[in-house]
Amino acid sequence: MHNRRFLIGLVFSSLLLLSAQIVGFGDERVLTLDETLKNLGSSGDEVTFRWDPFFQAGVFSWAEQYVSFRVGTLGETGLVIRNGKEILSLPTPYLEQGTLHFPLAFVNALDKALEETLAQEAPVQFRIAAIVVDPGHGGKDTGAVGNHTIKGKPVRVQEKDLVLKISKDLHSRLSRSFPDKQVLLTRDKDTFISLDDRVAIANGIPLKDNEATVFISIHANASFNKHVRGYEVWYLNPEYRRTLIDQSKYKDVQEVIPILNAMLEEEFTSESIRMAESILKRFDETLGGDFPSRGIKEEEWFVVRNARMPSVLVELGFLSNETDVTLLTDDAYLQHFSEALHKGIMDFVSEFEGL
């Protein structure tokens, strides 16, 4: 996770543009990935590489330092970001018949960066500083409503009440597990909070350059088909584009803003998927015998598309289904949901921080 820790740290850092350097092509030779790793590792410091085929992007990491890039075409020059602050313009690695090729000028620039890194004494430790738990709906907005007869008694359950109950329990668990982090609820009672205000709470948390926030919105589902049941976790559609960078901070380098914004967008998506996978895994382990999994899905929900951070939306079950409601209204069983959410978020935080 060390490499991803850089990437998400980059998203939440102030993104100070310390320098933009252009390195000439010089020698046009190219190296394979193994040859590149061997060259970079000649100093004795371990160098690792992660490749993301979805985004066609790679990250080299060493000694808590990181360089990220996206592939281009042969002879093309592209942007490389080092440690979230330094932007280099280098000959771009490219794919040929499914194999990565690295221009020698690109490798030499990274080798020089590695030498500079080894001279540094205090590597940056990226961390999650805040976790925002968002109980959906509230007040005049009831959300989904389920009316059933269970064990001969009429049962009416409202989404706003159910998700607040589990969110407060989750908040308590996370607060005990992470006393060094801010753990926030967007609402702690039956009040109406607009979608804009929920997102503003998360986006407004002050952070240091090496800190991040994550956002988890809790909901329950409903369907006209009374037989549909199960839990699912959503993240933002990767094709949705947001403006993530304050353009006023980069008046002198307007040409790189679209590229930086796209790279940050990709990292939001990558980390949101990782968090969704962690939560779903714990759901499967804890609830799999009683609740069917509907998997991980993508959608442009308001709270996840406007939150400038890794964010997921969790659907606990279907209030239109009697079996789901029977379990979700059982206090003892509801603890299983809270426990699974807690463990899934803890897994993600541990992976993110490299613990």
Protein backbone atom coordinates (compact mmCIF):
# COMPACT_ATOMS: atom_id res chain seq x y z
CA MET A 1 0.00 0.00 0.00
CA HIS A 2 3.02 2.30 0.27
CA ASN A 3 2.62 3.40 -3.33
CA ARG A 4 -1.11 4.05 -3.02
CA ARG A 5 -0.43 5.91 0.21
CA PHE A 6 1.53 8.44 -1.82
CA LEU A 7 -1.14 8.74 -4.46
CA ILE A 8 -3.95 9.49 -2.06
CA GLY A 9 -1.67 11.75 -0.07
CA LEU A 10 -1.07 13.61 -3.29
CA VAL A 11 -4.80 14.11 -3.72
CA PHE A 12 -5.18 15.72 -0.32
CA SER A 13 -1.92 17.64 -0.19
CA SER A 14 -1.81 21.31 -1.10
CA LEU A 15 -0.17 20.24 -4.36
CA LEU A 16 2.48 22.91 -4.26
CA LEU A 17 4.06 23.09 -7.66
CA LEU A 18 7.67 23.32 -6.60
CA SER A 19 9.20 22.84 -10.01
CA ALA A 20 8.51 21.82 -13.58
CA GLN A 21 11.58 20.38 -15.26
CA ILE A 22 12.00 19.22 -18.82
CA VAL A 23 14.44 16.41 -19.48
CA GLY A 24 15.63 15.88 -23.03
CA PHE A 25 15.48 12.54 -24.77
CA GLY A 26 19.24 12.27 -25.34
CA ASP A 27 19.75 8.52 -25.58
CA GLU A 28 16.71 6.96 -27.26
CA ARG A 29 17.31 3.48 -25.88
CA VAL A 30 14.52 1.80 -23.89
CA LEU A 31 14.62 -0.65 -20.99
CA THR A 32 12.26 -3.39 -19.85
CA LEU A 33 10.63 -3.24 -16.43
CA ASP A 34 13.13 -5.73 -14.98
CA GLU A 35 16.04 -3.75 -16.38
CA THR A 36 14.57 -0.53 -15.01
CA LEU A 37 14.12 -1.98 -11.52
CA LYS A 38 17.66 -3.35 -11.64
CA ASN A 39 19.07 0.05 -12.61
CA LEU A 40 17.09 1.86 -9.94
CA GLY A 41 18.03 -0.70 -7.31
CA SER A 42 21.76 -0.43 -7.90
CA SER A 43 22.07 1.86 -4.87
CA GLY A 44 20.93 -0.97 -2.62
CA ASP A 45 17.61 0.62 -1.69
CA GLU A 46 14.59 -1.53 -2.56
CA VAL A 47 12.46 -0.15 -5.39
CA THR A 48 8.94 -1.46 -5.96
CA PHE A 49 6.55 -0.98 -8.87
CA ARG A 50 2.76 -1.06 -9.10
CA TRP A 51 0.90 -1.11 -12.40
CA ASP A 52 -2.78 -0.19 -12.70
CA PRO A 53 -4.09 -1.61 -16.00
CA PHE A 54 -7.44 0.15 -15.59
CA PHE A 55 -5.89 3.61 -15.65
CA GLN A 56 -2.77 2.64 -17.62
CA ALA A 57 -0.68 4.18 -14.85
CA GLY A 58 2.35 3.12 -12.83
CA VAL A 59 4.07 4.03 -9.58
CA PHE A 60 7.70 3.49 -8.55
CA SER A 61 8.29 3.71 -4.80
CA TRP A 62 11.33 3.60 -2.56
CA ALA A 63 12.25 4.75 0.94
CA GLU A 64 8.76 6.26 1.43
CA GLN A 65 9.16 8.33 -1.75
CA TYR A 66 7.07 7.96 -4.89
CA VAL A 67 6.93 8.74 -8.59
CA SER A 68 3.71 8.28 -10.57
CA PHE A 69 3.16 8.39 -14.32
CA ARG A 70 0.76 7.41 -17.09
CA VAL A 71 1.88 5.64 -20.24
CA GLY A 72 1.94 7.42 -23.57
CA THR A 73 3.25 6.55 -27.01
CA LEU A 74 6.76 6.09 -28.34
CA GLY A 75 8.54 9.46 -28.58
CA GLU A 76 5.95 11.30 -26.51
CA THR A 77 6.76 13.50 -23.49
CA GLY A 78 4.48 13.35 -20.46
CA LEU A 79 4.16 14.56 -16.87
CA VAL A 80 5.60 12.63 -13.95
CA ILE A 81 4.76 13.63 -10.38
CA ARG A 82 7.29 13.09 -7.63
CA ASN A 83 6.28 13.19 -3.95
CA GLY A 84 3.13 15.17 -4.75
CA LYS A 85 5.08 18.37 -5.26
CA GLU A 86 7.55 18.15 -8.08
CA ILE A 87 6.43 17.87 -11.68
CA LEU A 88 8.82 16.50 -14.28
CA SER A 89 8.35 16.41 -18.03
CA LEU A 90 9.98 13.20 -19.23
CA PRO A 91 9.99 10.79 -22.16
CA THR A 92 6.90 8.69 -21.50
CA PRO A 93 6.94 4.95 -20.82
CA TYR A 94 4.80 3.15 -23.37
CA LEU A 95 3.16 -0.22 -24.02
CA GLU A 96 4.08 -2.37 -26.99
CA GLN A 97 2.33 -5.71 -27.45
CA GLY A 98 1.36 -5.69 -23.79
CA THR A 99 4.91 -5.04 -22.54
CA LEU A 100 6.04 -1.88 -20.77
CA HIS A 101 9.05 -0.04 -22.20
CA PHE A 102 10.94 2.70 -20.33
CA PRO A 103 13.04 5.30 -22.20
CA LEU A 104 16.54 5.52 -20.78
CA ALA A 105 16.11 9.26 -20.14
CA PHE A 106 13.07 8.44 -17.98
CA VAL A 107 15.05 5.85 -15.99
CA ASN A 108 18.05 8.15 -15.55
CA ALA A 109 15.79 10.89 -14.17
CA LEU A 110 14.28 8.47 -11.65
CA ASP A 111 17.74 7.24 -10.69
CA LYS A 112 18.77 10.81 -9.96
CA ALA A 113 15.61 11.29 -7.88
CA LEU A 114 16.46 8.13 -5.94
CA GLU A 115 19.92 9.46 -5.13
CA GLU A 116 18.38 12.68 -3.85
CA THR A 117 15.88 10.71 -1.77
CA LEU A 118 18.57 8.68 -0.03
CA ALA A 119 20.14 11.92 1.17
CA GLN A 120 16.91 12.92 2.92
CA GLU A 121 16.56 12.05 6.60
CA ALA A 122 12.85 12.37 7.31
CA PRO A 123 10.50 10.60 4.87
CA VAL A 124 6.91 11.82 4.74
CA GLN A 125 4.33 9.61 6.47
CA PHE A 126 0.90 9.91 4.85
CA ARG A 127 -2.09 9.23 7.06
CA ILE A 128 -5.86 9.39 7.19
CA ALA A 129 -6.68 12.23 9.57
CA ALA A 130 -10.49 12.14 9.37
CA ILE A 131 -13.25 9.60 8.74
CA VAL A 132 -16.70 10.99 7.93
CA VAL A 133 -19.70 8.70 8.46
CA ASP A 134 -22.83 9.96 6.71
CA PRO A 135 -26.22 8.52 7.83
CA GLY A 136 -28.44 9.08 4.79
CA HIS A 137 -31.69 11.05 4.83
CA GLY A 138 -33.14 12.36 8.15
CA GLY A 139 -35.89 14.68 9.38
CA LYS A 140 -38.52 15.31 6.72
CA ASP A 141 -36.64 12.96 4.36
CA THR A 142 -37.49 9.45 5.55
CA GLY A 143 -35.74 7.64 2.73
CA ALA A 144 -37.07 4.17 1.94
CA VAL A 145 -39.89 2.82 4.10
CA GLY A 146 -40.74 -0.84 4.67
CA ASN A 147 -44.07 -2.14 6.04
CA HIS A 148 -44.22 -5.83 6.88
CA THR A 149 -45.86 -8.33 9.18
CA ILE A 150 -43.16 -10.21 11.05
CA LYS A 151 -44.03 -12.94 13.53
CA GLY A 152 -47.64 -11.80 13.44
CA LYS A 153 -46.82 -8.18 14.28
CA PRO A 154 -46.86 -5.15 11.96
CA VAL A 155 -43.37 -3.69 11.49
CA ARG A 156 -42.65 -0.30 9.93
CA VAL A 157 -39.02 0.64 9.36
CA GLN A 158 -37.72 3.91 7.97
CA GLU A 159 -34.36 4.18 6.28
CA LYS A 160 -33.45 7.38 8.12
CA ASP A 161 -33.82 5.66 11.53
CA LEU A 162 -32.05 2.46 10.58
CA VAL A 163 -28.99 4.12 9.06
CA LEU A 164 -28.66 6.59 11.95
CA LYS A 165 -28.65 3.73 14.44
CA ILE A 166 -25.92 1.80 12.68
CA SER A 167 -23.93 4.96 11.88
CA LYS A 168 -23.83 6.00 15.54
CA ASP A 169 -22.62 2.56 16.52
CA LEU A 170 -20.00 2.64 13.75
CA HIS A 171 -18.89 6.11 14.89
CA SER A 172 -18.42 4.78 18.43
CA ARG A 173 -16.36 1.82 17.23
CA LEU A 174 -14.14 3.93 14.95
CA SER A 175 -13.60 6.54 17.67
CA ARG A 176 -12.31 3.85 20.02
CA SER A 177 -10.10 2.30 17.35
CA PHE A 178 -8.67 5.62 16.09
CA PRO A 179 -8.33 8.04 19.02
CA ASP A 180 -5.76 10.00 16.96
CA LYS A 181 -8.21 10.71 14.11
CA GLN A 182 -11.29 12.86 13.69
CA VAL A 183 -14.34 10.60 13.36
CA LEU A 184 -17.37 12.68 12.39
CA LEU A 185 -21.08 12.11 11.80
CA THR A 186 -22.87 14.37 9.32
CA ARG A 187 -25.90 14.06 11.63
CA ASP A 188 -26.30 12.48 15.08
CA LYS A 189 -30.07 12.87 15.42
CA ASP A 190 -33.24 12.84 13.30
CA THR A 191 -32.54 16.09 11.48
CA PHE A 192 -32.61 17.01 7.83
CA ILE A 193 -29.18 17.75 6.37
CA SER A 194 -28.99 18.74 2.71
CA LEU A 195 -26.72 16.83 0.37
CA ASP A 196 -24.67 19.97 -0.17
CA ASP A 197 -24.15 20.39 3.57
CA ARG A 198 -23.12 16.75 4.02
CA VAL A 199 -20.45 17.11 1.38
CA ALA A 200 -19.38 20.51 2.73
CA ILE A 201 -18.71 18.95 6.15
CA ALA A 202 -16.31 16.44 4.62
CA ASN A 203 -14.67 18.82 2.15
CA GLY A 204 -14.21 21.50 4.81
CA ILE A 205 -12.07 19.47 7.22
CA PRO A 206 -8.66 21.18 7.52
CA LEU A 207 -5.79 18.88 6.61
CA LYS A 208 -2.03 19.02 6.54
CA ASP A 209 -0.16 18.27 3.31
CA ASN A 210 0.33 14.61 4.29
CA GLU A 211 -3.24 13.98 5.50
CA ALA A 212 -6.44 12.64 3.95
CA THR A 213 -10.15 12.29 4.67
CA VAL A 214 -12.43 9.37 3.72
CA PHE A 215 -16.22 9.48 3.39
CA ILE A 216 -18.70 6.61 3.98
CA SER A 217 -22.40 7.23 3.32
CA ILE A 218 -24.80 4.66 4.85
CA HIS A 219 -28.17 3.86 3.23
CA ALA A 220 -30.81 1.15 2.87
CA ASN A 221 -32.40 0.05 -0.39
CA ALA A 222 -35.90 -0.56 -1.77
CA SER A 223 -37.36 -2.15 -4.90
CA PHE A 224 -40.74 -2.72 -6.53
CA ASN A 225 -39.70 -6.37 -6.67
CA LYS A 226 -40.28 -7.61 -3.11
CA HIS A 227 -37.98 -10.59 -3.66
CA VAL A 228 -34.85 -8.51 -4.28
CA ARG A 229 -32.51 -8.48 -1.29
CA GLY A 230 -28.88 -8.10 -0.25
CA TYR A 231 -26.16 -5.54 0.46
CA GLU A 232 -24.01 -3.62 -2.02
CA VAL A 233 -21.27 -0.97 -2.04
CA TRP A 234 -21.11 1.87 -4.58
CA TYR A 235 -18.35 4.15 -5.77
CA LEU A 236 -18.28 6.99 -8.29
CA ASN A 237 -18.39 6.12 -11.98
CA PRO A 238 -14.77 6.55 -13.22
CA GLU A 239 -16.04 8.38 -16.32
CA TYR A 240 -17.54 11.19 -14.21
CA ARG A 241 -15.28 14.25 -14.31
CA ARG A 242 -14.93 16.74 -11.47
CA THR A 243 -12.89 19.89 -10.95
CA LEU A 244 -10.58 18.97 -8.09
CA ILE A 245 -7.85 21.58 -8.37
CA ASP A 246 -8.09 25.24 -7.41
CA GLN A 247 -7.05 26.77 -10.72
CA SER A 248 -6.21 30.10 -9.09
CA LYS A 249 -3.22 28.45 -7.44
CA TYR A 250 -1.71 27.51 -10.81
CA LYS A 251 -2.02 30.66 -12.89
CA ASP A 252 1.48 30.21 -14.31
CA VAL A 253 0.98 26.60 -15.37
CA GLN A 254 -2.59 26.47 -16.70
CA GLU A 255 -1.61 23.95 -19.35
CA VAL A 256 -0.95 21.18 -16.81
CA ILE A 257 -4.19 21.62 -14.83
CA PRO A 258 -6.32 19.22 -16.97
CA ILE A 259 -3.63 16.53 -16.71
CA LEU A 260 -3.19 16.96 -12.96
CA ASN A 261 -6.95 16.97 -12.46
CA ALA A 262 -7.33 13.74 -14.45
CA MET A 263 -4.57 12.04 -12.48
CA LEU A 264 -6.15 13.05 -9.18
CA GLU A 265 -9.56 11.89 -10.40
CA GLU A 266 -8.08 8.48 -11.17
CA GLU A 267 -6.57 8.23 -7.71
CA PHE A 268 -9.88 9.10 -6.05
CA THR A 269 -11.49 6.27 -7.99
CA SER A 270 -8.69 3.80 -7.28
CA GLU A 271 -8.82 4.43 -3.54
CA SER A 272 -12.64 4.39 -3.45
CA ILE A 273 -12.60 0.98 -5.12
CA ARG A 274 -10.06 -0.28 -2.58
CA MET A 275 -12.24 0.91 0.30
CA ALA A 276 -15.34 -0.63 -1.29
CA GLU A 277 -13.49 -3.94 -1.69
CA SER A 278 -12.38 -3.90 1.96
CA ILE A 279 -15.92 -3.27 3.21
CA LEU A 280 -17.50 -5.84 0.90
CA LYS A 281 -14.95 -8.48 1.94
CA ARG A 282 -15.86 -8.01 5.60
CA PHE A 283 -19.57 -8.04 4.75
CA ASP A 284 -19.11 -11.35 2.93
CA GLU A 285 -17.21 -12.85 5.88
CA THR A 286 -19.63 -11.63 8.53
CA LEU A 287 -23.00 -11.71 6.76
CA GLY A 288 -22.53 -14.13 3.88
CA GLY A 289 -24.55 -16.91 5.47
CA ASP A 290 -27.68 -14.79 5.85
CA PHE A 291 -27.40 -11.93 3.39
CA PRO A 292 -26.65 -12.20 -0.35
CA SER A 293 -23.97 -9.90 -1.73
CA ARG A 294 -24.89 -7.74 -4.71
CA GLY A 295 -21.26 -6.75 -5.15
CA ILE A 296 -19.50 -3.48 -5.91
CA LYS A 297 -21.19 -1.06 -8.31
CA GLU A 298 -20.59 2.37 -9.78
CA GLU A 299 -22.97 5.32 -9.97
CA GLU A 300 -22.93 9.12 -9.85
CA TRP A 301 -24.53 9.53 -6.42
CA PHE A 302 -24.42 13.17 -5.30
CA VAL A 303 -22.52 12.61 -2.06
CA VAL A 304 -19.77 10.58 -3.70
CA ARG A 305 -19.44 12.67 -6.85
CA ASN A 306 -19.07 15.93 -4.89
CA ALA A 307 -16.85 14.66 -2.07
CA ARG A 308 -13.26 15.54 -2.94
CA MET A 309 -11.86 12.39 -1.34
CA PRO A 310 -12.17 8.59 -1.53
CA SER A 311 -15.84 7.93 -0.87
CA VAL A 312 -18.29 5.03 -0.96
CA LEU A 313 -22.04 4.59 -0.51
CA VAL A 314 -23.15 1.46 1.35
CA GLU A 315 -26.61 -0.05 0.87
CA LEU A 316 -27.32 -2.31 3.86
CA GLY A 317 -30.29 -4.24 2.46
CA PHE A 318 -33.78 -3.87 0.98
CA LEU A 319 -36.52 -2.49 3.20
CA SER A 320 -38.98 -3.77 0.62
CA ASN A 321 -37.92 -7.36 1.42
CA GLU A 322 -39.34 -9.02 4.52
CA THR A 323 -36.30 -11.23 5.15
CA ASP A 324 -33.88 -8.29 4.99
CA VAL A 325 -36.10 -6.23 7.28
CA THR A 326 -36.36 -9.09 9.79
CA LEU A 327 -32.58 -9.12 10.11
CA LEU A 328 -32.06 -5.36 9.93
CA THR A 329 -34.54 -4.70 12.74
CA ASP A 330 -32.85 -7.25 15.02
CA ASP A 331 -30.51 -5.25 17.27
CA ALA A 332 -28.16 -8.17 17.74
CA TYR A 333 -27.90 -8.77 14.01
CA LEU A 334 -27.50 -5.08 13.26
CA GLN A 335 -24.30 -5.27 15.32
CA HIS A 336 -22.93 -7.64 12.67
CA PHE A 337 -23.36 -4.94 10.03
CA SER A 338 -21.66 -2.37 12.22
CA GLU A 339 -18.83 -4.75 13.04
CA ALA A 340 -18.28 -5.59 9.36
CA LEU A 341 -18.25 -1.92 8.37
CA HIS A 342 -15.83 -1.15 11.19
CA LYS A 343 -13.43 -3.93 10.19
CA GLY A 344 -13.63 -3.03 6.49
CA ILE A 345 -12.75 0.61 7.17
CA MET A 346 -9.96 -0.43 9.55
CA ASP A 347 -8.53 -2.72 6.86
CA PHE A 348 -8.50 0.13 4.37
CA VAL A 349 -6.91 2.59 6.82
CA SER A 350 -4.21 0.06 7.77
CA GLU A 351 -3.43 -0.64 4.13
CA PHE A 352 -3.40 3.06 3.29
CA GLU A 353 -1.05 3.95 6.12
CA GLY A 354 1.16 0.91 5.55
CA LEU A 355 0.60 -0.48 9.03
